[in-house]
Amino acid sequence: MWEKAQETVNYLKGITHFAPEYGVILGSGLGGFANDIKVEFSVSYSEIPNFPVSTVKGHKGALLFGTIDSKKVMAMQGRFHYYEGYDMKEVTFPVRVMKLLGIEKLIVSNASGGVNASFKVGDVMIIKDHINMMPEHPLRGHNDERFGPRFVNMSEPYSKDMIAKIKNIAKDNEIEVKEGVYLGLQGPTFETLAEYKMVKNIGADCVGMSTVPEVIVAKHMNMDCLGISVITDMGNEESIEEVNHEEVLEAAKKAEPHVRSLIKNFILQY
């Protein structure tokens, strides 16, 4: 893994000569944030050594290097999921590359299903914590101390300082945001009634199929993380709104202007 990561980092440095400060992972339907970046380099995942390729609709599959004002940003237009057939080390490989490129601050976004009765489709939720129910752990197996410690402190997976900052930005820009706990499941099926009930009963506010492995690996490498979920469908133990991936993308797209504004202003001000 170390040698592969070094090869990828050296390739990206060689073609971009760029030292990003912020890493951004854009979830389903949220790729429009790329328009807020003055892009200097765009590299297709298929061209990058050791990189997986995104197979999900709504995930463009390109690595962007550019600036927002004077802040240097590296953004992933599309992420990798365990349900696509990749193992967790492949899913989280880009996070390791980000850190080795010099990134200390990671912003992750996703589309998720809400179970909190006070939520509605289109809400933006700041992730304050997560519950990991993925079937494979990204740190399972041999630990390379060059990446991070064997046992990782997860008492603050999402930076309290970053959360406070983005909540202030939301208030200043009159953008309503929720705050809650994200639960990660394998997918790719949407949840059943019983599963939505389980998610709610164990203390989560929404559920999705990503983010958690990326944040675990980011914390393994001592990065600060901020997470944003767009509630694209709602479910509880009594009923589920009929939902498909196209509707998820459409709901995410409607909320995208608010998410873009929050991320852009956060990067400018943090």
C-alpha atoms as a PDB file:
ATOM      1  CA  MET A   1       0.000   0.000   0.000  1.00  0.00           C
ATOM      2  CA  TRP A   2       2.783   2.458   0.911  1.00  0.00           C
ATOM      3  CA  GLU A   3       4.613   1.893  -2.373  1.00  0.00           C
ATOM      4  CA  LYS A   4       1.390   2.192  -4.392  1.00  0.00           C
ATOM      5  CA  ALA A   5       0.467   5.420  -2.618  1.00  0.00           C
ATOM      6  CA  GLN A   6       3.930   6.856  -3.245  1.00  0.00           C
ATOM      7  CA  GLU A   7       3.691   5.960  -6.931  1.00  0.00           C
ATOM      8  CA  THR A   8       0.321   7.681  -7.223  1.00  0.00           C
ATOM      9  CA  VAL A   9       1.474  10.772  -5.326  1.00  0.00           C
ATOM     10  CA  ASN A  10       4.616  11.089  -7.443  1.00  0.00           C
ATOM     11  CA  TYR A  11       2.542  10.790 -10.626  1.00  0.00           C
ATOM     12  CA  LEU A  12       0.111  13.505  -9.521  1.00  0.00           C
ATOM     13  CA  LYS A  13       2.891  15.805  -8.345  1.00  0.00           C
ATOM     14  CA  GLY A  14       4.688  15.292 -11.625  1.00  0.00           C
ATOM     15  CA  ILE A  15       1.771  16.345 -13.815  1.00  0.00           C
ATOM     16  CA  THR A  16       0.221  19.043 -11.586  1.00  0.00           C
ATOM     17  CA  HIS A  17       3.070  20.569  -9.531  1.00  0.00           C
ATOM     18  CA  PHE A  18       0.246  21.434  -7.115  1.00  0.00           C
ATOM     19  CA  ALA A  19       0.198  21.403  -3.291  1.00  0.00           C
ATOM     20  CA  PRO A  20      -3.460  21.242  -2.138  1.00  0.00           C
ATOM     21  CA  GLU A  21      -4.547  22.354   1.328  1.00  0.00           C
ATOM     22  CA  TYR A  22      -8.128  21.037   1.325  1.00  0.00           C
ATOM     23  CA  GLY A  23      -9.509  17.714   0.128  1.00  0.00           C
ATOM     24  CA  VAL A  24     -13.160  17.471  -0.916  1.00  0.00           C
ATOM     25  CA  ILE A  25     -15.040  14.253  -1.715  1.00  0.00           C
ATOM     26  CA  LEU A  26     -18.247  14.967  -3.643  1.00  0.00           C
ATOM     27  CA  GLY A  27     -21.119  12.504  -3.229  1.00  0.00           C
ATOM     28  CA  SER A  28     -24.019  11.524  -5.499  1.00  0.00           C
ATOM     29  CA  GLY A  29     -25.481  14.493  -7.352  1.00  0.00           C
ATOM     30  CA  LEU A  30     -23.094  16.975  -5.736  1.00  0.00           C
ATOM     31  CA  GLY A  31     -20.423  17.170  -8.422  1.00  0.00           C
ATOM     32  CA  GLY A  32     -21.453  20.728  -9.374  1.00  0.00           C
ATOM     33  CA  PHE A  33     -19.117  22.088  -6.694  1.00  0.00           C
ATOM     34  CA  ALA A  34     -16.462  21.724  -9.372  1.00  0.00           C
ATOM     35  CA  ASN A  35     -17.886  24.901 -10.927  1.00  0.00           C
ATOM     36  CA  ASP A  36     -16.825  26.834  -7.815  1.00  0.00           C
ATOM     37  CA  ILE A  37     -13.207  25.820  -8.313  1.00  0.00           C
ATOM     38  CA  LYS A  38     -10.868  27.577 -10.709  1.00  0.00           C
ATOM     39  CA  VAL A  39      -9.626  24.283 -12.092  1.00  0.00           C
ATOM     40  CA  GLU A  40      -5.966  24.123 -13.089  1.00  0.00           C
ATOM     41  CA  PHE A  41      -5.760  20.369 -13.640  1.00  0.00           C
ATOM     42  CA  SER A  42      -8.376  17.673 -14.202  1.00  0.00           C
ATOM     43  CA  VAL A  43      -7.230  14.054 -14.179  1.00  0.00           C
ATOM     44  CA  SER A  44      -9.518  11.126 -14.998  1.00  0.00           C
ATOM     45  CA  TYR A  45      -9.391   8.323 -12.444  1.00  0.00           C
ATOM     46  CA  SER A  46      -8.618   5.903 -15.286  1.00  0.00           C
ATOM     47  CA  GLU A  47      -5.339   7.762 -15.948  1.00  0.00           C
ATOM     48  CA  ILE A  48      -4.082   7.648 -12.344  1.00  0.00           C
ATOM     49  CA  PRO A  49      -1.840   4.739 -11.310  1.00  0.00           C
ATOM     50  CA  ASN A  50      -3.445   2.440  -8.698  1.00  0.00           C
ATOM     51  CA  PHE A  51      -6.720   4.415  -8.652  1.00  0.00           C
ATOM     52  CA  PRO A  52     -10.051   2.571  -8.849  1.00  0.00           C
ATOM     53  CA  VAL A  53     -12.669   3.796 -11.342  1.00  0.00           C
ATOM     54  CA  SER A  54     -16.084   5.061 -10.230  1.00  0.00           C
ATOM     55  CA  THR A  55     -18.926   2.990 -11.695  1.00  0.00           C
ATOM     56  CA  VAL A  56     -21.941   4.781 -10.198  1.00  0.00           C
ATOM     57  CA  LYS A  57     -24.197   7.180 -12.113  1.00  0.00           C
ATOM     58  CA  GLY A  58     -23.813  10.687 -10.712  1.00  0.00           C
ATOM     59  CA  HIS A  59     -20.098  10.170 -10.006  1.00  0.00           C
ATOM     60  CA  LYS A  60     -18.103  11.711 -12.854  1.00  0.00           C
ATOM     61  CA  GLY A  61     -14.775  10.109 -11.978  1.00  0.00           C
ATOM     62  CA  ALA A  62     -12.210  12.886 -12.100  1.00  0.00           C
ATOM     63  CA  LEU A  63      -9.660  14.396  -9.737  1.00  0.00           C
ATOM     64  CA  LEU A  64      -9.655  18.194  -9.815  1.00  0.00           C
ATOM     65  CA  PHE A  65      -6.854  20.488  -8.698  1.00  0.00           C
ATOM     66  CA  GLY A  66      -7.579  24.184  -8.452  1.00  0.00           C
ATOM     67  CA  THR A  67      -8.232  27.216  -6.299  1.00  0.00           C
ATOM     68  CA  ILE A  68     -11.077  28.950  -4.532  1.00  0.00           C
ATOM     69  CA  ASP A  69      -9.729  32.464  -4.250  1.00  0.00           C
ATOM     70  CA  SER A  70      -6.252  31.781  -2.851  1.00  0.00           C
ATOM     71  CA  LYS A  71      -7.089  28.428  -1.225  1.00  0.00           C
ATOM     72  CA  LYS A  72      -5.738  25.338  -2.977  1.00  0.00           C
ATOM     73  CA  VAL A  73      -8.228  22.497  -3.319  1.00  0.00           C
ATOM     74  CA  MET A  74      -8.192  18.905  -4.536  1.00  0.00           C
ATOM     75  CA  ALA A  75     -11.686  17.563  -5.236  1.00  0.00           C
ATOM     76  CA  MET A  76     -12.910  14.087  -6.079  1.00  0.00           C
ATOM     77  CA  GLN A  77     -15.810  14.172  -8.521  1.00  0.00           C
ATOM     78  CA  GLY A  78     -17.189  10.851  -7.447  1.00  0.00           C
ATOM     79  CA  ARG A  79     -16.049   8.366  -4.829  1.00  0.00           C
ATOM     80  CA  PHE A  80     -15.661   4.616  -4.566  1.00  0.00           C
ATOM     81  CA  HIS A  81     -18.021   2.316  -2.674  1.00  0.00           C
ATOM     82  CA  TYR A  82     -17.634  -1.105  -1.116  1.00  0.00           C
ATOM     83  CA  TYR A  83     -20.774  -2.280  -2.940  1.00  0.00           C
ATOM     84  CA  GLU A  84     -19.072  -1.672  -6.297  1.00  0.00           C
ATOM     85  CA  GLY A  85     -16.843  -4.650  -5.538  1.00  0.00           C
ATOM     86  CA  TYR A  86     -13.803  -2.787  -4.243  1.00  0.00           C
ATOM     87  CA  ASP A  87     -12.291  -3.725  -0.908  1.00  0.00           C
ATOM     88  CA  MET A  88     -12.048  -1.076   1.787  1.00  0.00           C
ATOM     89  CA  LYS A  89      -8.375  -0.395   1.127  1.00  0.00           C
ATOM     90  CA  GLU A  90      -9.258   0.490  -2.463  1.00  0.00           C
ATOM     91  CA  VAL A  91     -12.283   2.552  -1.388  1.00  0.00           C
ATOM     92  CA  THR A  92     -10.129   4.660   0.933  1.00  0.00           C
ATOM     93  CA  PHE A  93      -6.939   4.770  -1.149  1.00  0.00           C
ATOM     94  CA  PRO A  94      -7.625   8.341  -2.395  1.00  0.00           C
ATOM     95  CA  VAL A  95      -7.720   9.625   1.194  1.00  0.00           C
ATOM     96  CA  ARG A  96      -4.225   8.281   1.782  1.00  0.00           C
ATOM     97  CA  VAL A  97      -3.068   9.984  -1.415  1.00  0.00           C
ATOM     98  CA  MET A  98      -4.623  13.267  -0.239  1.00  0.00           C
ATOM     99  CA  LYS A  99      -2.708  13.179   3.021  1.00  0.00           C
ATOM    100  CA  LEU A 100       0.578  12.350   1.308  1.00  0.00           C
ATOM    101  CA  LEU A 101       0.003  15.301  -1.036  1.00  0.00           C
ATOM    102  CA  GLY A 102      -0.095  17.532   2.049  1.00  0.00           C
ATOM    103  CA  ILE A 103      -3.826  17.814   2.762  1.00  0.00           C
ATOM    104  CA  GLU A 104      -4.715  18.147   6.448  1.00  0.00           C
ATOM    105  CA  LYS A 105      -8.412  19.069   6.116  1.00  0.00           C
ATOM    106  CA  LEU A 106     -10.953  16.731   4.505  1.00  0.00           C
ATOM    107  CA  ILE A 107     -14.541  17.636   3.591  1.00  0.00           C
ATOM    108  CA  VAL A 108     -16.847  14.731   2.685  1.00  0.00           C
ATOM    109  CA  SER A 109     -20.391  14.943   1.333  1.00  0.00           C
ATOM    110  CA  ASN A 110     -23.022  12.314   0.611  1.00  0.00           C
ATOM    111  CA  ALA A 111     -26.665  11.611  -0.169  1.00  0.00           C
ATOM    112  CA  SER A 112     -28.450   9.771   2.617  1.00  0.00           C
ATOM    113  CA  GLY A 113     -31.815   8.478   3.797  1.00  0.00           C
ATOM    114  CA  GLY A 114     -33.296  10.286   6.778  1.00  0.00           C
ATOM    115  CA  VAL A 115     -34.913   8.554   9.764  1.00  0.00           C
ATOM    116  CA  ASN A 116     -35.184  11.561  12.090  1.00  0.00           C
ATOM    117  CA  ALA A 117     -38.859  12.602  12.070  1.00  0.00           C
ATOM    118  CA  SER A 118     -37.888  16.275  12.096  1.00  0.00           C
ATOM    119  CA  PHE A 119     -36.035  15.895   8.779  1.00  0.00           C
ATOM    120  CA  LYS A 120     -37.450  16.272   5.285  1.00  0.00           C
ATOM    121  CA  VAL A 121     -36.171  15.562   1.788  1.00  0.00           C
ATOM    122  CA  GLY A 122     -33.725  18.263   0.745  1.00  0.00           C
ATOM    123  CA  ASP A 123     -32.427  19.014   4.242  1.00  0.00           C
ATOM    124  CA  VAL A 124     -28.703  19.520   4.726  1.00  0.00           C
ATOM    125  CA  MET A 125     -27.275  17.728   7.782  1.00  0.00           C
ATOM    126  CA  ILE A 126     -23.886  18.395   9.341  1.00  0.00           C
ATOM    127  CA  ILE A 127     -22.471  15.066  10.539  1.00  0.00           C
ATOM    128  CA  LYS A 128     -21.496  15.244  14.209  1.00  0.00           C
ATOM    129  CA  ASP A 129     -20.673  11.529  14.567  1.00  0.00           C
ATOM    130  CA  HIS A 130     -21.104   8.227  12.793  1.00  0.00           C
ATOM    131  CA  ILE A 131     -21.903   4.569  13.444  1.00  0.00           C
ATOM    132  CA  ASN A 132     -19.892   2.046  11.457  1.00  0.00           C
ATOM    133  CA  MET A 133     -21.913  -0.980  10.343  1.00  0.00           C
ATOM    134  CA  MET A 134     -19.907  -1.745   7.214  1.00  0.00           C
ATOM    135  CA  PRO A 135     -18.975  -5.446   6.852  1.00  0.00           C
ATOM    136  CA  GLU A 136     -15.244  -4.775   6.397  1.00  0.00           C
ATOM    137  CA  HIS A 137     -13.030  -2.346   8.315  1.00  0.00           C
ATOM    138  CA  PRO A 138     -10.581  -0.265   6.263  1.00  0.00           C
ATOM    139  CA  LEU A 139      -7.831  -0.740   8.869  1.00  0.00           C
ATOM    140  CA  ARG A 140      -8.196  -4.527   9.077  1.00  0.00           C
ATOM    141  CA  GLY A 141      -4.957  -6.423   8.503  1.00  0.00           C
ATOM    142  CA  HIS A 142      -1.329  -5.399   8.785  1.00  0.00           C
ATOM    143  CA  ASN A 143      -0.840  -1.836  10.024  1.00  0.00           C
ATOM    144  CA  ASP A 144       1.860   0.242   8.359  1.00  0.00           C
ATOM    145  CA  GLU A 145       3.034   2.732  10.987  1.00  0.00           C
ATOM    146  CA  ARG A 146       4.083   5.116   8.211  1.00  0.00           C
ATOM    147  CA  PHE A 147       0.372   5.752   7.625  1.00  0.00           C
ATOM    148  CA  GLY A 148      -0.748   5.840  11.245  1.00  0.00           C
ATOM    149  CA  PRO A 149      -1.101   3.918  14.534  1.00  0.00           C
ATOM    150  CA  ARG A 150      -2.536   0.439  14.980  1.00  0.00           C
ATOM    151  CA  PHE A 151      -5.335   1.715  17.226  1.00  0.00           C
ATOM    152  CA  VAL A 152      -6.999   4.985  16.226  1.00  0.00           C
ATOM    153  CA  ASN A 153      -8.739   7.353  18.625  1.00  0.00           C
ATOM    154  CA  MET A 154     -12.237   8.012  17.214  1.00  0.00           C
ATOM    155  CA  SER A 155     -13.511  10.269  20.009  1.00  0.00           C
ATOM    156  CA  GLU A 156     -13.787  13.162  17.525  1.00  0.00           C
ATOM    157  CA  PRO A 157     -14.114  11.788  13.975  1.00  0.00           C
ATOM    158  CA  TYR A 158     -15.644  15.061  12.805  1.00  0.00           C
ATOM    159  CA  SER A 159     -13.838  18.182  13.980  1.00  0.00           C
ATOM    160  CA  LYS A 160     -15.881  20.144  16.526  1.00  0.00           C
ATOM    161  CA  ASP A 161     -14.086  23.302  15.452  1.00  0.00           C
ATOM    162  CA  MET A 162     -14.976  22.714  11.799  1.00  0.00           C
ATOM    163  CA  ILE A 163     -18.585  21.945  12.723  1.00  0.00           C
ATOM    164  CA  ALA A 164     -18.887  25.173  14.725  1.00  0.00           C
ATOM    165  CA  LYS A 165     -17.440  27.150  11.819  1.00  0.00           C
ATOM    166  CA  ILE A 166     -19.781  25.762   9.182  1.00  0.00           C
ATOM    167  CA  LYS A 167     -22.816  26.237  11.438  1.00  0.00           C
ATOM    168  CA  ASN A 168     -21.873  29.903  11.786  1.00  0.00           C
ATOM    169  CA  ILE A 169     -21.481  30.167   8.019  1.00  0.00           C
ATOM    170  CA  ALA A 170     -24.913  28.584   7.538  1.00  0.00           C
ATOM    171  CA  LYS A 171     -26.432  31.082   9.971  1.00  0.00           C
ATOM    172  CA  ASP A 172     -24.726  34.052   8.305  1.00  0.00           C
ATOM    173  CA  ASN A 173     -26.002  32.929   4.895  1.00  0.00           C
ATOM    174  CA  GLU A 174     -29.492  32.012   6.172  1.00  0.00           C
ATOM    175  CA  ILE A 175     -29.097  28.370   5.193  1.00  0.00           C
ATOM    176  CA  GLU A 176     -30.995  25.996   7.455  1.00  0.00           C
ATOM    177  CA  VAL A 177     -28.913  23.020   8.521  1.00  0.00           C
ATOM    178  CA  LYS A 178     -29.582  20.023  10.720  1.00  0.00           C
ATOM    179  CA  GLU A 179     -27.002  18.194  12.811  1.00  0.00           C
ATOM    180  CA  GLY A 180     -26.947  14.479  13.433  1.00  0.00           C
ATOM    181  CA  VAL A 181     -25.408  11.016  13.365  1.00  0.00           C
ATOM    182  CA  TYR A 182     -24.731   9.187  10.095  1.00  0.00           C
ATOM    183  CA  LEU A 183     -24.863   5.393   9.941  1.00  0.00           C
ATOM    184  CA  GLY A 184     -22.900   3.541   7.261  1.00  0.00           C
ATOM    185  CA  LEU A 185     -24.285   0.357   5.699  1.00  0.00           C
ATOM    186  CA  GLN A 186     -22.904  -1.687   2.812  1.00  0.00           C
ATOM    187  CA  GLY A 187     -25.663  -1.191   0.206  1.00  0.00           C
ATOM    188  CA  PRO A 188     -26.460  -1.128  -2.651  1.00  0.00           C
ATOM    189  CA  THR A 189     -30.056  -1.853  -1.642  1.00  0.00           C
ATOM    190  CA  PHE A 190     -32.071   0.889  -0.006  1.00  0.00           C
ATOM    191  CA  GLU A 191     -33.189   0.028   3.519  1.00  0.00           C
ATOM    192  CA  THR A 192     -36.213  -2.063   4.479  1.00  0.00           C
ATOM    193  CA  LEU A 193     -38.786  -0.882   7.031  1.00  0.00           C
ATOM    194  CA  ALA A 194     -37.109  -2.998   9.712  1.00  0.00           C
ATOM    195  CA  GLU A 195     -33.685  -1.644   8.808  1.00  0.00           C
ATOM    196  CA  TYR A 196     -34.887   1.968   8.995  1.00  0.00           C
ATOM    197  CA  LYS A 197     -36.321   1.157  12.441  1.00  0.00           C
ATOM    198  CA  MET A 198     -32.976  -0.339  13.492  1.00  0.00           C
ATOM    199  CA  VAL A 199     -31.081   2.739  12.250  1.00  0.00           C
ATOM    200  CA  LYS A 200     -33.338   5.018  14.252  1.00  0.00           C
ATOM    201  CA  ASN A 201     -33.352   2.850  17.382  1.00  0.00           C
ATOM    202  CA  ILE A 202     -29.568   2.648  17.658  1.00  0.00           C
ATOM    203  CA  GLY A 203     -29.221   6.411  17.584  1.00  0.00           C
ATOM    204  CA  ALA A 204     -28.639   7.531  13.991  1.00  0.00           C
ATOM    205  CA  ASP A 205     -30.443  10.318  12.142  1.00  0.00           C
ATOM    206  CA  CYS A 206     -29.662   9.178   8.612  1.00  0.00           C
ATOM    207  CA  VAL A 207     -28.161   6.242   6.745  1.00  0.00           C
ATOM    208  CA  GLY A 208     -25.950   5.886   3.698  1.00  0.00           C
ATOM    209  CA  MET A 209     -23.435   3.714   1.875  1.00  0.00           C
ATOM    210  CA  SER A 210     -20.207   5.737   2.051  1.00  0.00           C
ATOM    211  CA  THR A 211     -18.212   8.303   4.079  1.00  0.00           C
ATOM    212  CA  VAL A 212     -17.508   6.227   7.199  1.00  0.00           C
ATOM    213  CA  PRO A 213     -14.518   4.288   5.763  1.00  0.00           C
ATOM    214  CA  GLU A 214     -13.041   7.494   4.323  1.00  0.00           C
ATOM    215  CA  VAL A 215     -13.254   9.297   7.653  1.00  0.00           C
ATOM    216  CA  ILE A 216     -11.758   6.346   9.542  1.00  0.00           C
ATOM    217  CA  VAL A 217      -8.729   6.352   7.231  1.00  0.00           C
ATOM    218  CA  ALA A 218      -8.487  10.141   7.431  1.00  0.00           C
ATOM    219  CA  LYS A 219      -8.334   9.903  11.233  1.00  0.00           C
ATOM    220  CA  HIS A 220      -5.767   7.100  10.926  1.00  0.00           C
ATOM    221  CA  MET A 221      -3.622   9.687   9.117  1.00  0.00           C
ATOM    222  CA  ASN A 222      -4.435  12.479  11.593  1.00  0.00           C
ATOM    223  CA  MET A 223      -6.593  14.589   9.279  1.00  0.00           C
ATOM    224  CA  ASP A 224      -9.400  16.925  10.399  1.00  0.00           C
ATOM    225  CA  CYS A 225     -12.783  16.015   8.894  1.00  0.00           C
ATOM    226  CA  LEU A 226     -16.049  17.770   8.124  1.00  0.00           C
ATOM    227  CA  GLY A 227     -19.057  15.788   6.869  1.00  0.00           C
ATOM    228  CA  ILE A 228     -22.228  16.972   5.130  1.00  0.00           C
ATOM    229  CA  SER A 229     -25.233  14.791   4.252  1.00  0.00           C
ATOM    230  CA  VAL A 230     -28.087  15.737   1.940  1.00  0.00           C
ATOM    231  CA  ILE A 231     -31.317  13.995   2.952  1.00  0.00           C
ATOM    232  CA  THR A 232     -32.572  12.615  -0.350  1.00  0.00           C
ATOM    233  CA  ASP A 233     -35.289  10.259   0.913  1.00  0.00           C
ATOM    234  CA  MET A 234     -37.098   9.486   4.149  1.00  0.00           C
ATOM    235  CA  GLY A 235     -37.996   6.204   5.807  1.00  0.00           C
ATOM    236  CA  ASN A 236     -39.312   4.964   9.138  1.00  0.00           C
ATOM    237  CA  GLU A 237     -40.776   1.818  10.626  1.00  0.00           C
ATOM    238  CA  GLU A 238     -44.278   2.501   9.242  1.00  0.00           C
ATOM    239  CA  SER A 239     -43.658   3.494   5.650  1.00  0.00           C
ATOM    240  CA  ILE A 240     -40.992   4.109   3.037  1.00  0.00           C
ATOM    241  CA  GLU A 241     -41.273   6.660   0.293  1.00  0.00           C
ATOM    242  CA  GLU A 242     -40.752   4.899  -3.037  1.00  0.00           C
ATOM    243  CA  VAL A 243     -37.239   5.812  -4.070  1.00  0.00           C
ATOM    244  CA  ASN A 244     -34.756   5.020  -6.822  1.00  0.00           C
ATOM    245  CA  HIS A 245     -31.272   6.283  -7.626  1.00  0.00           C
ATOM    246  CA  GLU A 246     -32.541   8.828 -10.159  1.00  0.00           C
ATOM    247  CA  GLU A 247     -34.787  10.400  -7.503  1.00  0.00           C
ATOM    248  CA  VAL A 248     -31.873  10.490  -5.067  1.00  0.00           C
ATOM    249  CA  LEU A 249     -29.776  12.342  -7.649  1.00  0.00           C
ATOM    250  CA  GLU A 250     -32.619  14.781  -8.311  1.00  0.00           C
ATOM    251  CA  ALA A 251     -33.107  15.521  -4.603  1.00  0.00           C
ATOM    252  CA  ALA A 252     -29.361  16.020  -4.164  1.00  0.00           C
ATOM    253  CA  LYS A 253     -29.273  18.379  -7.123  1.00  0.00           C
ATOM    254  CA  LYS A 254     -31.994  20.577  -5.591  1.00  0.00           C
ATOM    255  CA  ALA A 255     -30.024  20.884  -2.346  1.00  0.00           C
ATOM    256  CA  GLU A 256     -26.699  21.295  -4.149  1.00  0.00           C
ATOM    257  CA  PRO A 257     -26.655  25.140  -4.229  1.00  0.00           C
ATOM    258  CA  HIS A 258     -26.779  25.236  -0.420  1.00  0.00           C
ATOM    259  CA  VAL A 259     -24.093  22.566  -0.057  1.00  0.00           C
ATOM    260  CA  ARG A 260     -21.877  24.331  -2.582  1.00  0.00           C
ATOM    261  CA  SER A 261     -22.290  27.651  -0.781  1.00  0.00           C
ATOM    262  CA  LEU A 262     -21.453  26.093   2.583  1.00  0.00           C
ATOM    263  CA  ILE A 263     -18.339  24.298   1.342  1.00  0.00           C
ATOM    264  CA  LYS A 264     -17.088  27.254  -0.676  1.00  0.00           C
ATOM    265  CA  ASN A 265     -17.477  29.722   2.190  1.00  0.00           C
ATOM    266  CA  PHE A 266     -16.033  27.253   4.663  1.00  0.00           C
ATOM    267  CA  ILE A 267     -12.879  26.883   2.578  1.00  0.00           C
ATOM    268  CA  LEU A 268     -12.604  30.646   2.153  1.00  0.00           C
ATOM    269  CA  GLN A 269     -13.007  31.352   5.873  1.00  0.00           C
ATOM    270  CA  TYR A 270     -11.476  28.383   7.700  1.00  0.00           C
END
